[in-house]
Protein backbone atom coordinates (compact mmCIF):
# COMPACT_ATOMS: atom_id res chain seq x y z
CA MET A 1 84.20 156.17 56.14
CA ASP A 2 86.29 154.91 53.23
CA ALA A 3 84.46 154.86 49.87
CA SER A 4 85.27 151.18 49.34
CA LEU A 5 83.55 150.32 52.63
CA ILE A 6 80.43 152.20 51.54
CA MET A 7 80.46 150.37 48.22
CA ASP A 8 80.71 147.08 50.10
CA ALA A 9 77.83 148.09 52.39
CA LEU A 10 75.69 149.12 49.41
CA SER A 11 76.42 145.82 47.71
CA GLU A 12 75.58 143.86 50.86
CA ARG A 13 72.21 145.57 51.27
CA ALA A 14 71.53 145.42 47.52
CA ASP A 15 71.86 141.64 47.57
CA ILE A 16 69.25 141.41 50.33
CA VAL A 17 66.87 143.75 48.51
CA GLU A 18 67.42 141.91 45.22
CA ASP A 19 66.50 138.59 46.81
CA CYS A 20 63.37 140.13 48.29
CA LEU A 21 62.39 141.67 44.94
CA ASP A 22 62.86 138.32 43.23
CA VAL A 23 60.34 136.78 45.63
CA LEU A 24 57.87 139.67 45.53
CA LEU A 25 57.94 139.92 41.71
CA PRO A 26 57.63 136.29 40.59
CA GLU A 27 57.39 135.09 37.02
CA ALA A 28 53.86 134.22 35.95
CA PRO A 29 52.20 131.93 33.40
CA GLY A 30 49.40 132.90 31.08
CA LEU A 31 48.81 135.76 28.69
CA GLU A 32 49.97 138.30 31.29
CA ALA A 33 53.43 136.67 31.50
CA ARG A 34 54.95 139.41 29.31
CA LEU A 35 53.86 142.04 31.83
CA PHE A 36 55.50 140.20 34.72
CA ALA A 37 58.65 139.75 32.64
CA ALA A 38 58.77 143.49 31.93
CA MET A 39 58.28 144.28 35.64
CA ARG A 40 61.18 141.99 36.54
CA TYR A 41 63.34 143.39 33.72
CA ALA A 42 62.78 146.96 34.93
CA THR A 43 63.47 146.20 38.57
CA LEU A 44 65.92 143.33 38.98
CA GLY A 45 69.62 143.14 38.31
CA GLY A 46 70.72 146.74 38.33
CA GLY A 47 71.06 150.03 40.14
CA LYS A 48 72.80 151.08 43.31
CA ARG A 49 69.73 150.39 45.50
CA LEU A 50 70.48 153.66 47.28
CA ARG A 51 66.88 154.04 48.39
CA GLY A 52 66.66 150.47 49.63
CA PHE A 53 69.95 150.95 51.47
CA LEU A 54 68.53 153.99 53.25
CA VAL A 55 65.44 152.10 54.38
CA MET A 56 67.48 149.24 55.80
CA GLU A 57 70.19 151.35 57.44
CA VAL A 58 67.76 153.69 59.20
CA ALA A 59 65.55 150.75 60.20
CA ALA A 60 68.60 149.12 61.79
CA LEU A 61 69.08 152.22 63.98
CA PHE A 62 65.67 151.48 65.50
CA GLY A 63 66.09 147.72 65.86
CA VAL A 64 63.70 146.74 63.06
CA ALA A 65 63.82 143.13 61.85
CA GLU A 66 65.79 142.83 58.60
CA THR A 67 63.00 140.90 56.86
CA CYS A 68 60.51 143.73 57.47
CA ALA A 69 62.98 146.40 56.41
CA ALA A 70 63.82 144.46 53.24
CA ARG A 71 60.16 144.37 52.21
CA VAL A 72 59.88 148.16 52.56
CA ALA A 73 63.19 148.58 50.75
CA ALA A 74 61.88 146.40 47.92
CA SER A 75 58.67 148.43 47.79
CA VAL A 76 60.64 151.67 47.40
CA GLU A 77 62.79 150.13 44.67
CA MET A 78 59.65 149.04 42.80
CA LEU A 79 58.29 152.57 42.93
CA HIS A 80 61.64 153.96 41.82
CA ALA A 81 61.76 151.46 38.94
CA TYR A 82 58.26 152.47 37.85
CA SER A 83 59.33 156.11 37.75
CA LEU A 84 62.36 155.26 35.59
CA VAL A 85 60.30 153.18 33.16
CA HIS A 86 57.88 156.05 32.63
CA ASP A 87 60.66 158.67 32.65
CA ASP A 88 62.37 156.89 29.74
CA LEU A 89 59.24 156.77 27.55
CA PRO A 90 59.24 158.66 24.23
CA SER A 91 56.55 160.97 25.59
CA MET A 92 58.76 161.87 28.56
CA ASP A 93 62.59 161.94 28.38
CA ASN A 94 62.75 159.53 25.41
CA ASP A 95 65.79 157.61 26.62
CA ASP A 96 66.83 154.28 25.11
CA LEU A 97 69.42 153.33 27.76
CA ARG A 98 68.95 152.61 31.47
CA ARG A 99 71.36 150.90 33.88
CA GLY A 100 73.59 149.90 31.00
CA LYS A 101 70.90 148.07 29.03
CA PRO A 102 67.98 148.99 26.74
CA SER A 103 65.16 150.86 28.48
CA THR A 104 62.05 148.80 29.18
CA HIS A 105 60.10 150.25 26.26
CA LYS A 106 62.96 149.30 23.93
CA ALA A 107 63.36 145.79 25.33
CA PHE A 108 59.60 145.16 25.18
CA ASP A 109 57.38 147.85 23.66
CA GLU A 110 55.91 151.17 24.75
CA ALA A 111 52.50 149.85 25.79
CA THR A 112 54.02 147.02 27.84
CA ALA A 113 56.41 149.50 29.50
CA ILE A 114 53.49 151.73 30.54
CA LEU A 115 51.64 148.76 32.01
CA ALA A 116 54.79 147.51 33.75
CA GLY A 117 55.25 150.91 35.40
CA ASP A 118 51.60 151.01 36.46
CA ALA A 119 51.81 147.50 37.90
CA LEU A 120 55.07 148.19 39.75
CA GLN A 121 53.54 151.23 41.43
CA ALA A 122 50.50 149.21 42.50
CA ARG A 123 52.67 146.35 43.74
CA ALA A 124 54.76 148.77 45.83
CA PHE A 125 51.68 149.88 47.77
CA GLU A 126 50.38 146.32 47.99
CA VAL A 127 53.59 145.22 49.72
CA LEU A 128 53.41 148.06 52.24
CA ALA A 129 49.79 147.23 53.08
CA ASP A 130 50.57 143.56 53.75
CA PRO A 131 50.72 142.55 57.45
CA ASP A 132 53.97 140.70 56.67
CA THR A 133 55.60 144.12 56.31
CA HIS A 134 54.63 145.27 59.83
CA SER A 135 52.29 143.86 62.45
CA ASP A 136 51.02 147.32 63.45
CA PRO A 137 48.32 148.62 61.06
CA GLN A 138 49.12 152.19 62.13
CA ALA A 139 52.71 151.75 60.93
CA ARG A 140 51.49 150.34 57.62
CA ALA A 141 49.06 153.24 57.20
CA GLU A 142 51.84 155.77 57.86
CA LEU A 143 54.10 154.07 55.33
CA LEU A 144 51.34 154.11 52.71
CA LEU A 145 50.47 157.76 53.31
CA SER A 146 54.09 158.90 53.28
CA LEU A 147 54.91 157.00 50.09
CA ALA A 148 51.79 158.37 48.40
CA HIS A 149 52.92 161.90 49.25
CA ALA A 150 56.39 161.16 47.87
CA ALA A 151 55.06 159.72 44.62
CA GLY A 152 52.17 162.03 43.75
CA ALA A 153 51.54 165.50 42.39
CA ARG A 154 53.53 167.13 45.20
CA GLY A 155 56.30 164.56 44.85
CA MET A 156 57.77 162.64 41.92
CA ALA A 157 54.91 163.17 39.48
CA GLY A 158 54.86 166.90 40.18
CA GLY A 159 58.61 167.07 39.80
CA GLN A 160 58.42 165.32 36.43
CA MET A 161 55.82 167.86 35.31
CA ILE A 162 58.13 170.73 36.29
CA ASP A 163 61.00 168.98 34.49
CA MET A 164 58.97 168.79 31.28
CA GLU A 165 57.81 172.39 31.60
CA ALA A 166 61.41 173.49 32.18
CA GLU A 167 62.71 172.42 28.77
CA GLY A 168 64.02 175.50 26.99
CA ARG A 169 63.12 177.78 29.91
CA ALA A 170 65.48 179.74 32.16
CA LEU A 171 64.64 178.49 35.65
CA THR A 172 66.09 180.17 38.72
CA LEU A 173 68.15 178.26 41.29
CA PRO A 174 65.22 178.11 43.76
CA GLU A 175 63.00 176.72 40.97
CA ILE A 176 65.60 174.08 40.10
CA ALA A 177 65.99 173.21 43.79
CA ARG A 178 62.22 172.67 44.02
CA LEU A 179 62.26 170.49 40.92
CA HIS A 180 65.00 168.37 42.52
CA ALA A 181 63.16 168.19 45.83
CA LEU A 182 60.00 166.85 44.20
CA LYS A 183 61.31 164.62 41.42
CA THR A 184 64.19 163.00 43.30
CA GLY A 185 64.36 164.24 46.86
CA ARG A 186 60.92 163.22 48.14
CA LEU A 187 61.45 159.51 47.50
CA ILE A 188 64.94 159.59 49.01
CA GLN A 189 63.54 161.43 52.03
CA PHE A 190 60.78 158.82 52.35
CA SER A 191 63.37 156.04 52.15
CA ALA A 192 65.14 157.43 55.22
CA GLU A 193 61.93 158.25 57.05
CA ALA A 194 60.46 154.79 56.38
CA GLY A 195 63.05 153.17 58.64
CA ALA A 196 61.93 155.40 61.49
CA ILE A 197 58.25 154.66 60.78
CA LEU A 198 59.00 150.94 60.88
CA GLY A 199 60.78 151.41 64.21
CA ARG A 200 57.90 153.48 65.66
CA SER A 201 60.46 156.11 66.58
CA PRO A 202 59.73 159.30 68.54
CA SER A 203 58.64 162.15 66.29
CA HIS A 204 61.80 164.22 66.85
CA LEU A 205 64.05 161.35 65.68
CA ARG A 206 61.81 160.70 62.69
CA ALA A 207 62.16 164.38 61.80
CA GLN A 208 65.94 164.15 62.02
CA VAL A 209 66.27 161.20 59.65
CA ALA A 210 63.74 162.84 57.30
CA ALA A 211 65.91 165.99 57.25
CA TYR A 212 68.95 163.83 56.55
CA GLY A 213 67.13 162.22 53.62
CA ARG A 214 65.98 165.60 52.30
CA ASP A 215 69.51 167.07 52.21
CA LEU A 216 70.99 163.82 50.93
CA GLY A 217 68.48 163.80 48.07
CA ALA A 218 69.37 167.37 47.13
CA ALA A 219 73.09 166.58 47.19
CA PHE A 220 72.53 163.41 45.15
CA GLN A 221 70.63 165.19 42.38
CA ILE A 222 73.14 168.03 42.01
CA ALA A 223 75.92 165.44 41.85
CA ASP A 224 73.86 163.64 39.18
CA ASP A 225 73.69 166.86 37.15
CA VAL A 226 77.47 167.22 37.43
CA LEU A 227 77.94 163.65 36.23
CA ASP A 228 75.50 164.18 33.35
CA ALA A 229 77.63 167.11 32.20
CA SER A 230 81.04 165.50 32.69
CA SER A 231 80.74 161.74 32.11
CA THR A 232 80.17 159.37 29.20
CA ALA A 233 77.22 157.06 28.63
CA ALA A 234 79.50 154.07 29.29
CA GLU A 235 80.43 155.48 32.69
CA LEU A 236 76.85 156.37 33.64
CA GLY A 237 75.00 153.36 32.24
CA LYS A 238 72.51 155.83 30.75
CA THR A 239 72.58 158.56 28.13
CA ALA A 240 74.96 161.35 29.07
CA GLY A 241 74.42 165.04 28.31
CA LYS A 242 70.62 164.75 28.29
CA ASP A 243 70.03 167.97 30.19
CA LYS A 244 72.12 170.07 27.83
CA ALA A 245 70.58 168.47 24.75
CA ALA A 246 67.08 169.19 26.07
CA GLY A 247 67.95 172.78 26.95
CA LYS A 248 67.21 172.22 30.62
CA ALA A 249 68.45 174.62 33.27
CA THR A 250 70.40 172.85 36.04
CA PHE A 251 72.76 173.82 38.83
CA VAL A 252 75.57 173.12 36.36
CA THR A 253 74.22 175.43 33.65
CA LEU A 254 73.71 178.23 36.17
CA LEU A 255 76.76 177.78 38.39
CA GLY A 256 79.25 175.76 36.35
CA ILE A 257 80.57 172.34 37.24
CA GLU A 258 82.92 173.39 40.05
CA ARG A 259 80.43 175.55 41.94
CA ALA A 260 77.65 173.00 41.46
CA ALA A 261 79.90 170.28 42.89
CA MET A 262 80.70 172.58 45.82
CA GLN A 263 76.96 173.05 46.47
CA ALA A 264 76.48 169.28 46.47
CA ARG A 265 79.29 168.84 49.01
CA MET A 266 77.78 171.53 51.24
CA LEU A 267 74.41 169.75 51.23
CA SER A 268 76.14 166.45 51.96
CA GLU A 269 77.80 167.94 55.04
CA GLN A 270 74.48 169.47 56.07
CA ALA A 271 72.84 166.04 55.83
CA VAL A 272 75.43 164.59 58.19
CA THR A 273 74.62 167.16 60.90
CA HIS A 274 71.16 165.61 61.31
CA LEU A 275 72.70 162.32 62.50
CA GLU A 276 74.40 163.60 65.65
CA HIS A 277 71.95 161.84 67.97
CA PHE A 278 72.76 158.39 66.58
CA GLY A 279 76.49 158.23 67.30
CA GLU A 280 78.70 155.62 65.65
CA GLU A 281 75.72 153.48 64.63
CA ALA A 282 75.01 155.99 61.86
CA ASP A 283 78.55 155.97 60.41
CA ARG A 284 77.45 154.16 57.26
CA LEU A 285 74.80 156.84 56.68
CA ARG A 286 77.47 159.50 57.14
CA GLY A 287 79.70 157.66 54.70
CA LEU A 288 76.85 157.46 52.22
CA ALA A 289 76.38 161.24 52.33
CA HIS A 290 80.03 161.70 51.39
CA TRP A 291 79.94 158.98 48.75
CA VAL A 292 76.94 160.39 46.82
CA VAL A 293 78.91 163.53 45.96
CA SER A 294 82.17 161.76 45.07
CA ARG A 295 80.82 158.83 43.00
CA LYS A 296 81.66 158.43 39.32
CA SER A 297 78.36 156.96 38.13
């Protein structure tokens, strides 16, 4: 699928997710208003909404109502936003720029940013537990459990710990691949799998979309490392060259830009093989797999 069509599809889904986020993260009066403002600042008005797109596209394969899929997509984007807010903190990656604007701790303050991240994570789970998200409590329980796995010590939080421990250390390729799988890949995998959970799909089809999400996440992160090494901050909307400055081992530092990009393309093609069952209805997911390794930001 042509890259421009994928960009249009991403934009179309992003608008739906943005509207849902605006409703689910309202402004608030009172002394806690600053917290709500920081939550909205961190979440609204930016990003590709890749994870939300995955939720909605896979959900569509299984005939899930768009309103239900949008709520889960919004939940995932809240959790992703929380992770970015905390990732940018001085005690973590210490980054002042995110999505082309000051990081949340720079726009507000460090304490407010920590609370905003905490509240966004809680709100993400609250949305999934709400009957408005799915009428079947079993489906809601599966969504909650799967997202908890993706976010916790054997998911994003664990991956961030490895990332911090890796500064100045010579990691092997398998160690870097595990870091990627936990810090980035698990949430992307959940985003694909969530659509199948919403659709109460057979276990073998759920496994296929989960495998697609796993390989897509790996390809996405390697492509991100390539962009970090070869693009400017203006192009990325965030600080460029962070990995090199921090002395972090990446696929790029071990393989070079060309071989790392080749590895990303191989994983992208591998992701596509998991969609054979779905025929033409999954063409936008196939196009997404190709786009993540050819994008410029």
